[in-house]
Amino acid sequence: AFEQQHQELERIATSFGTVRDKDVLNVQPRRIEIVKLPRAMTLKEFAERYPSSVELEELRLINQIDSPDTQIPAGTPLKRVTGKRIE
């Protein structure tokens, strides 16, 4: 049984062709970057100054901020998301 499964898995793994689509090849994994706020600002201001690859609402959830208009003190570490979203 194992040999039969092994052969089937090997057949599947070797059936993939070479990827040549530049949009696929240029996709970067999404990463979290920590930014220490240089001054007090709202999450909206943070998103404008340090763009993320996610919407403001998702950024709000990631950073556990109540409202995008909440004033966040200088020196607070906030997360931003970088990298392309795969469409």
N, C-alpha and C. Protein backbone atom coordinates (compact mmCIF):
# COMPACT_ATOMS: atom_id res chain seq x y z
N ALA A 1 0.82 -1.19 0.00
CA ALA A 1 0.00 0.00 0.00
C ALA A 1 0.87 1.26 0.00
N PHE A 2 1.92 1.27 0.84
CA PHE A 2 2.79 2.43 0.91
C PHE A 2 3.47 2.68 -0.43
N GLU A 3 3.95 1.63 -1.07
CA GLU A 3 4.65 1.78 -2.35
C GLU A 3 3.72 2.38 -3.40
N GLN A 4 2.46 1.96 -3.40
CA GLN A 4 1.49 2.50 -4.34
C GLN A 4 1.25 3.99 -4.07
N GLN A 5 1.11 4.38 -2.80
CA GLN A 5 0.93 5.79 -2.45
C GLN A 5 2.17 6.60 -2.80
N HIS A 6 3.33 6.02 -2.55
CA HIS A 6 4.59 6.69 -2.85
C HIS A 6 4.69 6.98 -4.35
N GLN A 7 4.34 6.01 -5.16
CA GLN A 7 4.39 6.19 -6.61
C GLN A 7 3.40 7.28 -7.06
N GLU A 8 2.23 7.27 -6.49
CA GLU A 8 1.21 8.26 -6.85
C GLU A 8 1.67 9.67 -6.45
N LEU A 9 2.22 9.81 -5.25
CA LEU A 9 2.71 11.11 -4.80
C LEU A 9 3.89 11.58 -5.66
N GLU A 10 4.75 10.69 -6.02
CA GLU A 10 5.89 11.05 -6.89
C GLU A 10 5.39 11.49 -8.26
N ARG A 11 4.39 10.81 -8.80
CA ARG A 11 3.81 11.19 -10.09
C ARG A 11 3.21 12.60 -10.01
N ILE A 12 2.51 12.87 -8.92
CA ILE A 12 1.91 14.20 -8.75
C ILE A 12 2.99 15.27 -8.63
N ALA A 13 3.99 15.01 -7.81
CA ALA A 13 5.05 16.00 -7.58
C ALA A 13 5.84 16.32 -8.84
N THR A 14 6.02 15.36 -9.70
CA THR A 14 6.80 15.58 -10.92
C THR A 14 5.96 16.07 -12.08
N SER A 15 4.66 16.25 -11.87
CA SER A 15 3.78 16.69 -12.95
C SER A 15 3.73 18.21 -13.10
N PHE A 16 4.30 18.95 -12.15
CA PHE A 16 4.28 20.41 -12.22
C PHE A 16 5.26 20.90 -13.26
N GLY A 17 4.83 21.91 -14.03
CA GLY A 17 5.70 22.51 -15.03
C GLY A 17 6.44 23.70 -14.45
N THR A 18 7.34 24.25 -15.22
CA THR A 18 8.11 25.42 -14.81
C THR A 18 7.20 26.66 -14.84
N VAL A 19 7.27 27.46 -13.79
CA VAL A 19 6.48 28.69 -13.70
C VAL A 19 7.23 29.78 -14.45
N ARG A 20 6.54 30.44 -15.39
CA ARG A 20 7.15 31.51 -16.17
C ARG A 20 6.40 32.84 -16.04
N ASP A 21 5.26 32.81 -15.39
CA ASP A 21 4.44 34.01 -15.22
C ASP A 21 5.14 34.98 -14.27
N LYS A 22 5.52 36.17 -14.79
CA LYS A 22 6.26 37.13 -13.99
C LYS A 22 5.47 37.61 -12.78
N ASP A 23 4.15 37.71 -12.90
CA ASP A 23 3.33 38.12 -11.75
C ASP A 23 3.45 37.11 -10.61
N VAL A 24 3.51 35.84 -10.95
CA VAL A 24 3.65 34.79 -9.93
C VAL A 24 5.07 34.79 -9.38
N LEU A 25 6.06 34.89 -10.25
CA LEU A 25 7.46 34.85 -9.83
C LEU A 25 7.85 36.04 -8.96
N ASN A 26 7.19 37.18 -9.14
CA ASN A 26 7.54 38.39 -8.40
C ASN A 26 6.80 38.54 -7.07
N VAL A 27 5.93 37.61 -6.75
CA VAL A 27 5.19 37.68 -5.49
C VAL A 27 6.16 37.48 -4.33
N GLN A 28 6.08 38.38 -3.36
CA GLN A 28 6.88 38.28 -2.15
C GLN A 28 5.96 37.85 -1.01
N PRO A 29 6.47 37.06 -0.08
CA PRO A 29 5.63 36.67 1.05
C PRO A 29 5.26 37.89 1.88
N ARG A 30 4.09 37.84 2.47
CA ARG A 30 3.69 38.93 3.35
C ARG A 30 4.45 38.79 4.66
N ARG A 31 4.95 39.91 5.13
CA ARG A 31 5.75 39.93 6.36
C ARG A 31 5.24 41.03 7.29
N ILE A 32 5.51 40.83 8.55
CA ILE A 32 5.18 41.83 9.56
C ILE A 32 6.45 42.62 9.86
N GLU A 33 6.35 43.93 9.80
CA GLU A 33 7.46 44.81 10.15
C GLU A 33 7.02 45.64 11.35
N ILE A 34 7.88 45.75 12.34
CA ILE A 34 7.57 46.54 13.54
C ILE A 34 8.15 47.94 13.35
N VAL A 35 7.31 48.94 13.55
CA VAL A 35 7.73 50.34 13.44
C VAL A 35 7.49 51.02 14.78
N LYS A 36 8.54 51.63 15.33
CA LYS A 36 8.40 52.40 16.57
C LYS A 36 8.01 53.82 16.17
N LEU A 37 6.86 54.26 16.65
CA LEU A 37 6.35 55.57 16.24
C LEU A 37 7.30 56.70 16.63
N PRO A 38 7.71 57.52 15.66
CA PRO A 38 8.61 58.63 15.96
C PRO A 38 7.90 59.78 16.66
N ARG A 39 6.57 59.81 16.52
CA ARG A 39 5.76 60.85 17.17
C ARG A 39 4.37 60.28 17.38
N ALA A 40 3.57 60.95 18.20
CA ALA A 40 2.19 60.51 18.41
C ALA A 40 1.42 60.66 17.10
N MET A 41 0.58 59.69 16.79
CA MET A 41 -0.24 59.75 15.57
C MET A 41 -1.39 58.75 15.69
N THR A 42 -2.36 58.91 14.81
CA THR A 42 -3.48 57.97 14.75
C THR A 42 -3.07 56.80 13.85
N LEU A 43 -3.86 55.75 13.88
CA LEU A 43 -3.59 54.61 13.01
C LEU A 43 -3.75 55.01 11.54
N LYS A 44 -4.69 55.91 11.27
CA LYS A 44 -4.86 56.41 9.89
C LYS A 44 -3.58 57.09 9.41
N GLU A 45 -3.01 57.94 10.27
CA GLU A 45 -1.76 58.63 9.92
C GLU A 45 -0.62 57.62 9.74
N PHE A 46 -0.58 56.63 10.62
CA PHE A 46 0.44 55.58 10.53
C PHE A 46 0.34 54.86 9.19
N ALA A 47 -0.89 54.51 8.80
CA ALA A 47 -1.10 53.79 7.53
C ALA A 47 -0.70 54.64 6.32
N GLU A 48 -0.86 55.94 6.42
CA GLU A 48 -0.44 56.82 5.32
C GLU A 48 1.07 56.95 5.27
N ARG A 49 1.68 57.07 6.43
CA ARG A 49 3.14 57.26 6.48
C ARG A 49 3.90 55.95 6.24
N TYR A 50 3.35 54.84 6.72
CA TYR A 50 3.97 53.51 6.58
C TYR A 50 2.96 52.57 5.92
N PRO A 51 2.82 52.65 4.61
CA PRO A 51 1.79 51.86 3.92
C PRO A 51 1.94 50.35 4.16
N SER A 52 0.81 49.70 4.27
CA SER A 52 0.74 48.25 4.44
C SER A 52 0.04 47.64 3.25
N SER A 53 0.20 46.34 3.10
CA SER A 53 -0.48 45.64 2.00
C SER A 53 -1.82 45.07 2.45
N VAL A 54 -2.33 45.56 3.59
CA VAL A 54 -3.66 45.16 4.07
C VAL A 54 -4.49 46.42 4.28
N GLU A 55 -5.78 46.25 4.35
CA GLU A 55 -6.70 47.36 4.57
C GLU A 55 -6.56 47.89 6.00
N LEU A 56 -7.01 49.11 6.21
CA LEU A 56 -6.91 49.76 7.51
C LEU A 56 -7.58 48.95 8.61
N GLU A 57 -8.73 48.35 8.33
CA GLU A 57 -9.45 47.57 9.34
C GLU A 57 -8.61 46.37 9.79
N GLU A 58 -7.96 45.69 8.85
CA GLU A 58 -7.11 44.56 9.23
C GLU A 58 -5.90 45.04 10.02
N LEU A 59 -5.35 46.18 9.64
CA LEU A 59 -4.23 46.77 10.36
C LEU A 59 -4.65 47.12 11.79
N ARG A 60 -5.87 47.61 11.94
CA ARG A 60 -6.41 47.94 13.26
C ARG A 60 -6.48 46.68 14.13
N LEU A 61 -6.96 45.59 13.55
CA LEU A 61 -7.07 44.33 14.30
C LEU A 61 -5.70 43.77 14.67
N ILE A 62 -4.77 43.80 13.73
CA ILE A 62 -3.42 43.29 13.99
C ILE A 62 -2.77 44.03 15.14
N ASN A 63 -3.00 45.33 15.20
CA ASN A 63 -2.38 46.16 16.23
C ASN A 63 -3.24 46.33 17.48
N GLN A 64 -4.41 45.73 17.49
CA GLN A 64 -5.33 45.77 18.63
C GLN A 64 -5.63 47.21 19.06
N ILE A 65 -5.98 48.02 18.06
CA ILE A 65 -6.35 49.42 18.28
C ILE A 65 -7.87 49.53 18.18
N ASP A 66 -8.49 50.24 19.12
CA ASP A 66 -9.95 50.35 19.14
C ASP A 66 -10.52 51.06 17.92
N SER A 67 -9.89 52.17 17.54
CA SER A 67 -10.41 52.98 16.43
C SER A 67 -9.23 53.51 15.62
N PRO A 68 -9.39 53.63 14.30
CA PRO A 68 -8.33 54.20 13.47
C PRO A 68 -8.01 55.65 13.83
N ASP A 69 -8.92 56.31 14.58
CA ASP A 69 -8.73 57.70 14.97
C ASP A 69 -8.13 57.86 16.37
N THR A 70 -7.86 56.74 17.04
CA THR A 70 -7.26 56.78 18.38
C THR A 70 -5.84 57.33 18.29
N GLN A 71 -5.51 58.28 19.15
CA GLN A 71 -4.16 58.83 19.20
C GLN A 71 -3.24 57.83 19.88
N ILE A 72 -2.14 57.45 19.22
CA ILE A 72 -1.20 56.47 19.73
C ILE A 72 0.08 57.21 20.14
N PRO A 73 0.58 57.00 21.36
CA PRO A 73 1.74 57.75 21.84
C PRO A 73 3.03 57.47 21.05
N ALA A 74 3.90 58.45 20.98
CA ALA A 74 5.22 58.28 20.37
C ALA A 74 5.96 57.15 21.08
N GLY A 75 6.76 56.39 20.33
CA GLY A 75 7.52 55.30 20.91
C GLY A 75 6.79 53.97 20.93
N THR A 76 5.48 53.98 20.63
CA THR A 76 4.69 52.75 20.61
C THR A 76 5.10 51.92 19.39
N PRO A 77 5.39 50.63 19.58
CA PRO A 77 5.67 49.78 18.42
C PRO A 77 4.37 49.34 17.75
N LEU A 78 4.26 49.57 16.45
CA LEU A 78 3.09 49.14 15.67
C LEU A 78 3.56 48.21 14.56
N LYS A 79 2.65 47.34 14.15
CA LYS A 79 2.95 46.39 13.08
C LYS A 79 2.39 46.91 11.76
N ARG A 80 3.16 46.70 10.69
CA ARG A 80 2.67 46.94 9.34
C ARG A 80 2.93 45.68 8.54
N VAL A 81 2.14 45.46 7.52
CA VAL A 81 2.27 44.26 6.69
C VAL A 81 2.87 44.67 5.35
N THR A 82 3.93 43.96 4.95
CA THR A 82 4.56 44.22 3.67
C THR A 82 4.47 42.97 2.80
N GLY A 83 4.71 43.13 1.52
CA GLY A 83 4.62 42.01 0.59
C GLY A 83 3.30 42.04 -0.15
N LYS A 84 3.30 41.42 -1.31
CA LYS A 84 2.11 41.42 -2.17
C LYS A 84 1.06 40.45 -1.70
N ARG A 85 -0.17 40.84 -1.89
CA ARG A 85 -1.31 39.96 -1.67
C ARG A 85 -1.50 39.16 -2.96
N ILE A 86 -1.63 37.87 -2.86
CA ILE A 86 -1.85 37.04 -4.05
C ILE A 86 -3.32 37.13 -4.43
N GLU A 87 -3.58 37.56 -5.64
CA GLU A 87 -4.96 37.74 -6.11
C GLU A 87 -5.39 36.52 -6.89
